[in-house]
Full PDB file with SEQRES, HELIX, SHEET, SSBOND, CRYST1, ORIGX, SCALE, CONECT and MASTER records, all heavy atoms in Angstrom:
SEQRES   1 A   35  ARG ALA LEU ASP GLY VAL SER LEU THR VAL GLU ALA GLY          
SEQRES   2 A   35  GLU ILE HIS ALA LEU VAL GLY GLU ASN GLY ALA GLY LYS          
SEQRES   3 A   35  SER THR LEU ILE LYS ILE LEU GLY GLY                          
HELIX    1 AA1 LYS A   26  LEU A   33  1                                   8    
CRYST1    1.000    1.000    1.000  90.00  90.00  90.00 P 1           1          
ORIGX1      1.000000  0.000000  0.000000        0.00000                         
ORIGX2      0.000000  1.000000  0.000000        0.00000                         
ORIGX3      0.000000  0.000000  1.000000        0.00000                         
SCALE1      1.000000  0.000000  0.000000        0.00000                         
SCALE2      0.000000  1.000000  0.000000        0.00000                         
SCALE3      0.000000  0.000000  1.000000        0.00000                         
ATOM      1  N   ARG A   1     150.796  63.287 131.883  1.00  0.00           N  
ATOM      2  CA  ARG A   1     150.136  62.110 132.455  1.00  0.00           C  
ATOM      3  C   ARG A   1     149.122  61.636 131.424  1.00  0.00           C  
ATOM      4  O   ARG A   1     148.008  62.150 131.324  1.00  0.00           O  
ATOM      5  CB  ARG A   1     149.472  62.455 133.787  1.00  0.00           C  
ATOM      6  CG  ARG A   1     149.015  61.213 134.562  1.00  0.00           C  
ATOM      7  CD  ARG A   1     148.719  61.548 136.005  1.00  0.00           C  
ATOM      8  NE  ARG A   1     148.293  60.396 136.787  1.00  0.00           N  
ATOM      9  CZ  ARG A   1     149.115  59.484 137.306  1.00  0.00           C  
ATOM     10  NH1 ARG A   1     150.416  59.590 137.115  1.00  0.00           N  
ATOM     11  NH2 ARG A   1     148.632  58.478 138.025  1.00  0.00           N  
ATOM     12  N   ALA A   2     149.522  60.644 130.630  1.00  0.00           N  
ATOM     13  CA  ALA A   2     148.714  60.222 129.490  1.00  0.00           C  
ATOM     14  C   ALA A   2     147.452  59.485 129.919  1.00  0.00           C  
ATOM     15  O   ALA A   2     146.391  59.639 129.293  1.00  0.00           O  
ATOM     16  CB  ALA A   2     149.547  59.335 128.559  1.00  0.00           C  
ATOM     17  N   LEU A   3     147.540  58.664 130.961  1.00  0.00           N  
ATOM     18  CA  LEU A   3     146.386  57.941 131.494  1.00  0.00           C  
ATOM     19  C   LEU A   3     146.375  58.084 133.005  1.00  0.00           C  
ATOM     20  O   LEU A   3     147.420  58.002 133.653  1.00  0.00           O  
ATOM     21  CB  LEU A   3     146.438  56.456 131.117  1.00  0.00           C  
ATOM     22  CG  LEU A   3     146.321  56.093 129.633  1.00  0.00           C  
ATOM     23  CD1 LEU A   3     146.500  54.590 129.453  1.00  0.00           C  
ATOM     24  CD2 LEU A   3     144.990  56.549 129.055  1.00  0.00           C  
ATOM     25  N   ASP A   4     145.179  58.278 133.554  1.00  0.00           N  
ATOM     26  CA  ASP A   4     145.067  58.521 134.997  1.00  0.00           C  
ATOM     27  C   ASP A   4     143.904  57.710 135.561  1.00  0.00           C  
ATOM     28  O   ASP A   4     142.750  58.125 135.519  1.00  0.00           O  
ATOM     29  CB  ASP A   4     144.856  60.015 135.234  1.00  0.00           C  
ATOM     30  CG  ASP A   4     144.915  60.389 136.714  1.00  0.00           C  
ATOM     31  OD1 ASP A   4     145.149  59.498 137.540  1.00  0.00           O  
ATOM     32  OD2 ASP A   4     144.710  61.576 137.025  1.00  0.00           O  
ATOM     33  N   GLY A   5     144.219  56.500 136.048  1.00  0.00           N  
ATOM     34  CA  GLY A   5     143.213  55.676 136.699  1.00  0.00           C  
ATOM     35  C   GLY A   5     142.105  55.191 135.787  1.00  0.00           C  
ATOM     36  O   GLY A   5     140.932  55.224 136.153  1.00  0.00           O  
ATOM     37  N   VAL A   6     142.473  54.699 134.610  1.00  0.00           N  
ATOM     38  CA  VAL A   6     141.473  54.262 133.631  1.00  0.00           C  
ATOM     39  C   VAL A   6     141.035  52.828 133.923  1.00  0.00           C  
ATOM     40  O   VAL A   6     141.865  51.927 134.084  1.00  0.00           O  
ATOM     41  CB  VAL A   6     142.034  54.359 132.194  1.00  0.00           C  
ATOM     42  CG1 VAL A   6     141.094  53.699 131.194  1.00  0.00           C  
ATOM     43  CG2 VAL A   6     142.271  55.817 131.827  1.00  0.00           C  
ATOM     44  N   SER A   7     139.723  52.632 133.948  1.00  0.00           N  
ATOM     45  CA  SER A   7     139.147  51.293 134.112  1.00  0.00           C  
ATOM     46  C   SER A   7     138.091  51.064 133.047  1.00  0.00           C  
ATOM     47  O   SER A   7     137.305  51.973 132.733  1.00  0.00           O  
ATOM     48  CB  SER A   7     138.512  51.131 135.495  1.00  0.00           C  
ATOM     49  OG  SER A   7     139.466  51.276 136.524  1.00  0.00           O  
ATOM     50  N   LEU A   8     138.092  49.871 132.463  1.00  0.00           N  
ATOM     51  CA  LEU A   8     137.018  49.483 131.534  1.00  0.00           C  
ATOM     52  C   LEU A   8     137.041  47.978 131.373  1.00  0.00           C  
ATOM     53  O   LEU A   8     138.046  47.318 131.653  1.00  0.00           O  
ATOM     54  CB  LEU A   8     137.147  50.190 130.181  1.00  0.00           C  
ATOM     55  CG  LEU A   8     138.358  49.920 129.284  1.00  0.00           C  
ATOM     56  CD1 LEU A   8     138.158  48.671 128.428  1.00  0.00           C  
ATOM     57  CD2 LEU A   8     138.602  51.097 128.356  1.00  0.00           C  
ATOM     58  N   THR A   9     135.921  47.437 130.924  1.00  0.00           N  
ATOM     59  CA  THR A   9     135.819  46.003 130.661  1.00  0.00           C  
ATOM     60  C   THR A   9     135.267  45.782 129.265  1.00  0.00           C  
ATOM     61  O   THR A   9     134.538  46.625 128.722  1.00  0.00           O  
ATOM     62  CB  THR A   9     134.905  45.301 131.670  1.00  0.00           C  
ATOM     63  OG1 THR A   9     133.584  45.876 131.590  1.00  0.00           O  
ATOM     64  CG2 THR A   9     135.442  45.434 133.092  1.00  0.00           C  
ATOM     65  N   VAL A  10     135.633  44.639 128.683  1.00  0.00           N  
ATOM     66  CA  VAL A  10     135.110  44.232 127.375  1.00  0.00           C  
ATOM     67  C   VAL A  10     134.554  42.826 127.529  1.00  0.00           C  
ATOM     68  O   VAL A  10     135.254  41.905 127.967  1.00  0.00           O  
ATOM     69  CB  VAL A  10     136.205  44.254 126.291  1.00  0.00           C  
ATOM     70  CG1 VAL A  10     135.630  43.796 124.953  1.00  0.00           C  
ATOM     71  CG2 VAL A  10     136.815  45.647 126.158  1.00  0.00           C  
ATOM     72  N   GLU A  11     133.283  42.674 127.188  1.00  0.00           N  
ATOM     73  CA  GLU A  11     132.610  41.384 127.306  1.00  0.00           C  
ATOM     74  C   GLU A  11     132.772  40.568 126.029  1.00  0.00           C  
ATOM     75  O   GLU A  11     133.038  41.103 124.952  1.00  0.00           O  
ATOM     76  CB  GLU A  11     131.115  41.594 127.584  1.00  0.00           C  
ATOM     77  CG  GLU A  11     130.812  42.478 128.769  1.00  0.00           C  
ATOM     78  CD  GLU A  11     131.283  41.871 130.083  1.00  0.00           C  
ATOM     79  OE1 GLU A  11     131.098  40.646 130.258  1.00  0.00           O  
ATOM     80  OE2 GLU A  11     131.850  42.609 130.905  1.00  0.00           O  
ATOM     81  N   ALA A  12     132.589  39.273 126.133  1.00  0.00           N  
ATOM     82  CA  ALA A  12     132.604  38.400 124.966  1.00  0.00           C  
ATOM     83  C   ALA A  12     131.472  38.811 124.020  1.00  0.00           C  
ATOM     84  O   ALA A  12     130.331  38.985 124.447  1.00  0.00           O  
ATOM     85  CB  ALA A  12     132.441  36.947 125.393  1.00  0.00           C  
ATOM     86  N   GLY A  13     131.795  38.985 122.754  1.00  0.00           N  
ATOM     87  CA  GLY A  13     130.788  39.354 121.768  1.00  0.00           C  
ATOM     88  C   GLY A  13     130.377  40.814 121.797  1.00  0.00           C  
ATOM     89  O   GLY A  13     129.437  41.209 121.098  1.00  0.00           O  
ATOM     90  N   GLU A  14     131.061  41.638 122.583  1.00  0.00           N  
ATOM     91  CA  GLU A  14     130.705  43.050 122.700  1.00  0.00           C  
ATOM     92  C   GLU A  14     131.569  43.903 121.772  1.00  0.00           C  
ATOM     93  O   GLU A  14     132.773  43.656 121.630  1.00  0.00           O  
ATOM     94  CB  GLU A  14     130.909  43.516 124.144  1.00  0.00           C  
ATOM     95  CG  GLU A  14     130.606  45.004 124.343  1.00  0.00           C  
ATOM     96  CD  GLU A  14     130.956  45.493 125.740  1.00  0.00           C  
ATOM     97  OE1 GLU A  14     132.000  45.070 126.279  1.00  0.00           O  
ATOM     98  OE2 GLU A  14     130.178  46.284 126.287  1.00  0.00           O  
ATOM     99  N   ILE A  15     130.955  44.898 121.158  1.00  0.00           N  
ATOM    100  CA  ILE A  15     131.703  45.924 120.428  1.00  0.00           C  
ATOM    101  C   ILE A  15     131.748  47.149 121.327  1.00  0.00           C  
ATOM    102  O   ILE A  15     130.734  47.805 121.571  1.00  0.00           O  
ATOM    103  CB  ILE A  15     131.047  46.254 119.078  1.00  0.00           C  
ATOM    104  CG1 ILE A  15     130.971  44.995 118.204  1.00  0.00           C  
ATOM    105  CG2 ILE A  15     131.840  47.354 118.365  1.00  0.00           C  
ATOM    106  CD1 ILE A  15     130.237  45.206 116.891  1.00  0.00           C  
ATOM    107  N   HIS A  16     132.929  47.448 121.835  1.00  0.00           N  
ATOM    108  CA  HIS A  16     133.122  48.503 122.826  1.00  0.00           C  
ATOM    109  C   HIS A  16     133.888  49.637 122.157  1.00  0.00           C  
ATOM    110  O   HIS A  16     135.071  49.496 121.824  1.00  0.00           O  
ATOM    111  CB  HIS A  16     133.912  47.952 124.017  1.00  0.00           C  
ATOM    112  CG  HIS A  16     133.890  48.833 125.223  1.00  0.00           C  
ATOM    113  ND1 HIS A  16     133.665  48.359 126.494  1.00  0.00           N  
ATOM    114  CD2 HIS A  16     134.055  50.164 125.370  1.00  0.00           C  
ATOM    115  CE1 HIS A  16     133.704  49.351 127.352  1.00  0.00           C  
ATOM    116  NE2 HIS A  16     133.950  50.474 126.694  1.00  0.00           N  
ATOM    117  N   ALA A  17     133.218  50.750 121.923  1.00  0.00           N  
ATOM    118  CA  ALA A  17     133.853  51.896 121.264  1.00  0.00           C  
ATOM    119  C   ALA A  17     134.647  52.703 122.279  1.00  0.00           C  
ATOM    120  O   ALA A  17     134.186  52.945 123.399  1.00  0.00           O  
ATOM    121  CB  ALA A  17     132.807  52.776 120.593  1.00  0.00           C  
ATOM    122  N   LEU A  18     135.837  53.122 121.868  1.00  0.00           N  
ATOM    123  CA  LEU A  18     136.688  53.986 122.682  1.00  0.00           C  
ATOM    124  C   LEU A  18     136.869  55.291 121.915  1.00  0.00           C  
ATOM    125  O   LEU A  18     137.431  55.294 120.811  1.00  0.00           O  
ATOM    126  CB  LEU A  18     138.041  53.319 122.930  1.00  0.00           C  
ATOM    127  CG  LEU A  18     139.046  54.070 123.797  1.00  0.00           C  
ATOM    128  CD1 LEU A  18     138.520  54.210 125.224  1.00  0.00           C  
ATOM    129  CD2 LEU A  18     140.389  53.334 123.792  1.00  0.00           C  
ATOM    130  N   VAL A  19     136.363  56.393 122.465  1.00  0.00           N  
ATOM    131  CA  VAL A  19     136.399  57.663 121.749  1.00  0.00           C  
ATOM    132  C   VAL A  19     137.008  58.754 122.626  1.00  0.00           C  
ATOM    133  O   VAL A  19     137.076  58.640 123.845  1.00  0.00           O  
ATOM    134  CB  VAL A  19     134.992  58.096 121.279  1.00  0.00           C  
ATOM    135  CG1 VAL A  19     134.379  57.059 120.353  1.00  0.00           C  
ATOM    136  CG2 VAL A  19     134.076  58.351 122.471  1.00  0.00           C  
ATOM    137  N   GLY A  20     137.413  59.809 121.983  1.00  0.00           N  
ATOM    138  CA  GLY A  20     138.011  60.945 122.673  1.00  0.00           C  
ATOM    139  C   GLY A  20     138.763  61.798 121.675  1.00  0.00           C  
ATOM    140  O   GLY A  20     139.092  61.351 120.572  1.00  0.00           O  
ATOM    141  N   GLU A  21     139.033  63.040 122.054  1.00  0.00           N  
ATOM    142  CA  GLU A  21     139.788  63.913 121.179  1.00  0.00           C  
ATOM    143  C   GLU A  21     141.224  63.436 121.051  1.00  0.00           C  
ATOM    144  O   GLU A  21     141.703  62.619 121.830  1.00  0.00           O  
ATOM    145  CB  GLU A  21     139.772  65.348 121.721  1.00  0.00           C  
ATOM    146  CG  GLU A  21     138.394  65.998 121.720  1.00  0.00           C  
ATOM    147  CD  GLU A  21     138.480  67.471 122.067  1.00  0.00           C  
ATOM    148  OE1 GLU A  21     138.510  67.798 123.267  1.00  0.00           O  
ATOM    149  OE2 GLU A  21     138.522  68.294 121.143  1.00  0.00           O  
ATOM    150  N   ASN A  22     141.940  63.971 120.046  1.00  0.00           N  
ATOM    151  CA  ASN A  22     143.367  63.686 119.951  1.00  0.00           C  
ATOM    152  C   ASN A  22     144.053  64.140 121.230  1.00  0.00           C  
ATOM    153  O   ASN A  22     143.788  65.226 121.737  1.00  0.00           O  
ATOM    154  CB  ASN A  22     143.973  64.428 118.750  1.00  0.00           C  
ATOM    155  CG  ASN A  22     143.532  63.821 117.428  1.00  0.00           C  
ATOM    156  OD1 ASN A  22     143.298  62.629 117.332  1.00  0.00           O  
ATOM    157  ND2 ASN A  22     143.400  64.649 116.406  1.00  0.00           N  
ATOM    158  N   GLY A  23     144.916  63.280 121.757  1.00  0.00           N  
ATOM    159  CA  GLY A  23     145.593  63.600 123.006  1.00  0.00           C  
ATOM    160  C   GLY A  23     144.841  63.154 124.240  1.00  0.00           C  
ATOM    161  O   GLY A  23     145.303  63.379 125.373  1.00  0.00           O  
ATOM    162  N   ALA A  24     143.688  62.497 124.056  1.00  0.00           N  
ATOM    163  CA  ALA A  24     142.891  62.067 125.212  1.00  0.00           C  
ATOM    164  C   ALA A  24     143.493  60.859 125.915  1.00  0.00           C  
ATOM    165  O   ALA A  24     143.158  60.578 127.065  1.00  0.00           O  
ATOM    166  CB  ALA A  24     141.460  61.748 124.772  1.00  0.00           C  
ATOM    167  N   GLY A  25     144.372  60.112 125.208  1.00  0.00           N  
ATOM    168  CA  GLY A  25     144.989  58.939 125.815  1.00  0.00           C  
ATOM    169  C   GLY A  25     144.652  57.630 125.130  1.00  0.00           C  
ATOM    170  O   GLY A  25     145.082  56.562 125.580  1.00  0.00           O  
ATOM    171  N   LYS A  26     143.910  57.680 124.016  1.00  0.00           N  
ATOM    172  CA  LYS A  26     143.477  56.451 123.339  1.00  0.00           C  
ATOM    173  C   LYS A  26     144.665  55.631 122.847  1.00  0.00           C  
ATOM    174  O   LYS A  26     144.710  54.413 123.052  1.00  0.00           O  
ATOM    175  CB  LYS A  26     142.560  56.795 122.167  1.00  0.00           C  
ATOM    176  CG  LYS A  26     141.321  57.588 122.537  1.00  0.00           C  
ATOM    177  CD  LYS A  26     140.381  57.731 121.366  1.00  0.00           C  
ATOM    178  CE  LYS A  26     141.004  58.410 120.158  1.00  0.00           C  
ATOM    179  NZ  LYS A  26     141.392  59.814 120.407  1.00  0.00           N  
ATOM    180  N   SER A  27     145.610  56.285 122.187  1.00  0.00           N  
ATOM    181  CA  SER A  27     146.763  55.547 121.643  1.00  0.00           C  
ATOM    182  C   SER A  27     147.591  54.909 122.743  1.00  0.00           C  
ATOM    183  O   SER A  27     148.059  53.769 122.609  1.00  0.00           O  
ATOM    184  CB  SER A  27     147.624  56.478 120.794  1.00  0.00           C  
ATOM    185  OG  SER A  27     146.926  56.908 119.642  1.00  0.00           O  
ATOM    186  N   THR A  28     147.784  55.626 123.850  1.00  0.00           N  
ATOM    187  CA  THR A  28     148.533  55.062 124.970  1.00  0.00           C  
ATOM    188  C   THR A  28     147.821  53.831 125.523  1.00  0.00           C  
ATOM    189  O   THR A  28     148.458  52.803 125.818  1.00  0.00           O  
ATOM    190  CB  THR A  28     148.703  56.115 126.082  1.00  0.00           C  
ATOM    191  OG1 THR A  28     149.397  57.250 125.558  1.00  0.00           O  
ATOM    192  CG2 THR A  28     149.478  55.552 127.253  1.00  0.00           C  
ATOM    193  N   LEU A  29     146.507  53.913 125.643  1.00  0.00           N  
ATOM    194  CA  LEU A  29     145.740  52.783 126.160  1.00  0.00           C  
ATOM    195  C   LEU A  29     145.858  51.576 125.226  1.00  0.00           C  
ATOM    196  O   LEU A  29     146.041  50.433 125.681  1.00  0.00           O  
ATOM    197  CB  LEU A  29     144.275  53.190 126.326  1.00  0.00           C  
ATOM    198  CG  LEU A  29     143.338  52.140 126.926  1.00  0.00           C  
ATOM    199  CD1 LEU A  29     143.838  51.694 128.288  1.00  0.00           C  
ATOM    200  CD2 LEU A  29     141.929  52.682 127.033  1.00  0.00           C  
ATOM    201  N   ILE A  30     145.783  51.817 123.924  1.00  0.00           N  
ATOM    202  CA  ILE A  30     145.894  50.714 122.966  1.00  0.00           C  
ATOM    203  C   ILE A  30     147.264  50.063 123.060  1.00  0.00           C  
ATOM    204  O   ILE A  30     147.405  48.833 123.011  1.00  0.00           O  
ATOM    205  CB  ILE A  30     145.639  51.230 121.534  1.00  0.00           C  
ATOM    206  CG1 ILE A  30     144.189  51.680 121.373  1.00  0.00           C  
ATOM    207  CG2 ILE A  30     145.936  50.134 120.509  1.00  0.00           C  
ATOM    208  CD1 ILE A  30     143.915  52.388 120.062  1.00  0.00           C  
ATOM    209  N   LYS A  31     148.311  50.879 123.211  1.00  0.00           N  
ATOM    210  CA  LYS A  31     149.665  50.325 123.294  1.00  0.00           C  
ATOM    211  C   LYS A  31     149.863  49.524 124.578  1.00  0.00           C  
ATOM    212  O   LYS A  31     150.615  48.543 124.591  1.00  0.00           O  
ATOM    213  CB  LYS A  31     150.684  51.452 123.182  1.00  0.00           C  
ATOM    214  CG  LYS A  31     150.761  52.020 121.761  1.00  0.00           C  
ATOM    215  CD  LYS A  31     151.671  53.226 121.668  1.00  0.00           C  
ATOM    216  CE  LYS A  31     151.673  53.764 120.240  1.00  0.00           C  
ATOM    217  NZ  LYS A  31     152.478  55.013 120.115  1.00  0.00           N  
ATOM    218  N   ILE A  32     149.186  49.899 125.635  1.00  0.00           N  
ATOM    219  CA  ILE A  32     149.229  49.093 126.860  1.00  0.00           C  
ATOM    220  C   ILE A  32     148.501  47.767 126.624  1.00  0.00           C  
ATOM    221  O   ILE A  32     148.992  46.698 127.016  1.00  0.00           O  
ATOM    222  CB  ILE A  32     148.613  49.875 128.035  1.00  0.00           C  
ATOM    223  CG1 ILE A  32     149.585  50.988 128.485  1.00  0.00           C  
ATOM    224  CG2 ILE A  32     148.307  48.948 129.203  1.00  0.00           C  
ATOM    225  CD1 ILE A  32     149.021  51.911 129.535  1.00  0.00           C  
ATOM    226  N   LEU A  33     147.352  47.813 125.970  1.00  0.00           N  
ATOM    227  CA  LEU A  33     146.626  46.583 125.661  1.00  0.00           C  
ATOM    228  C   LEU A  33     147.461  45.645 124.809  1.00  0.00           C  
ATOM    229  O   LEU A  33     147.432  44.422 124.984  1.00  0.00           O  
ATOM    230  CB  LEU A  33     145.316  46.910 124.930  1.00  0.00           C  
ATOM    231  CG  LEU A  33     144.185  47.528 125.742  1.00  0.00           C  
ATOM    232  CD1 LEU A  33     142.999  47.839 124.850  1.00  0.00           C  
ATOM    233  CD2 LEU A  33     143.769  46.588 126.860  1.00  0.00           C  
ATOM    234  N   GLY A  34     148.206  46.215 123.859  1.00  0.00           N  
ATOM    235  CA  GLY A  34     149.005  45.396 122.957  1.00  0.00           C  
ATOM    236  C   GLY A  34     150.355  44.996 123.501  1.00  0.00           C  
ATOM    237  O   GLY A  34     151.103  44.262 122.844  1.00  0.00           O  
ATOM    238  N   GLY A  35     150.712  45.468 124.696  1.00  0.00           N  
ATOM    239  CA  GLY A  35     151.974  45.084 125.307  1.00  0.00           C  
ATOM    240  C   GLY A  35     153.154  45.956 124.944  1.00  0.00           C  
ATOM    241  O   GLY A  35     154.281  45.703 125.380  1.00  0.00           O  
TER     242      GLY A  35                                                      
MASTER        0    0    0    1    0    0    0    6  241    1    0    3          
END                                                                             
């Protein structure tokens, strides 16, 4: 289960860092954002 109920928002002009260990789900989240 790569992602489990993830919620976040990004505001205009905001730099929003996404961090976590390898395997935390960052790459899966990015691929969902990119379609």
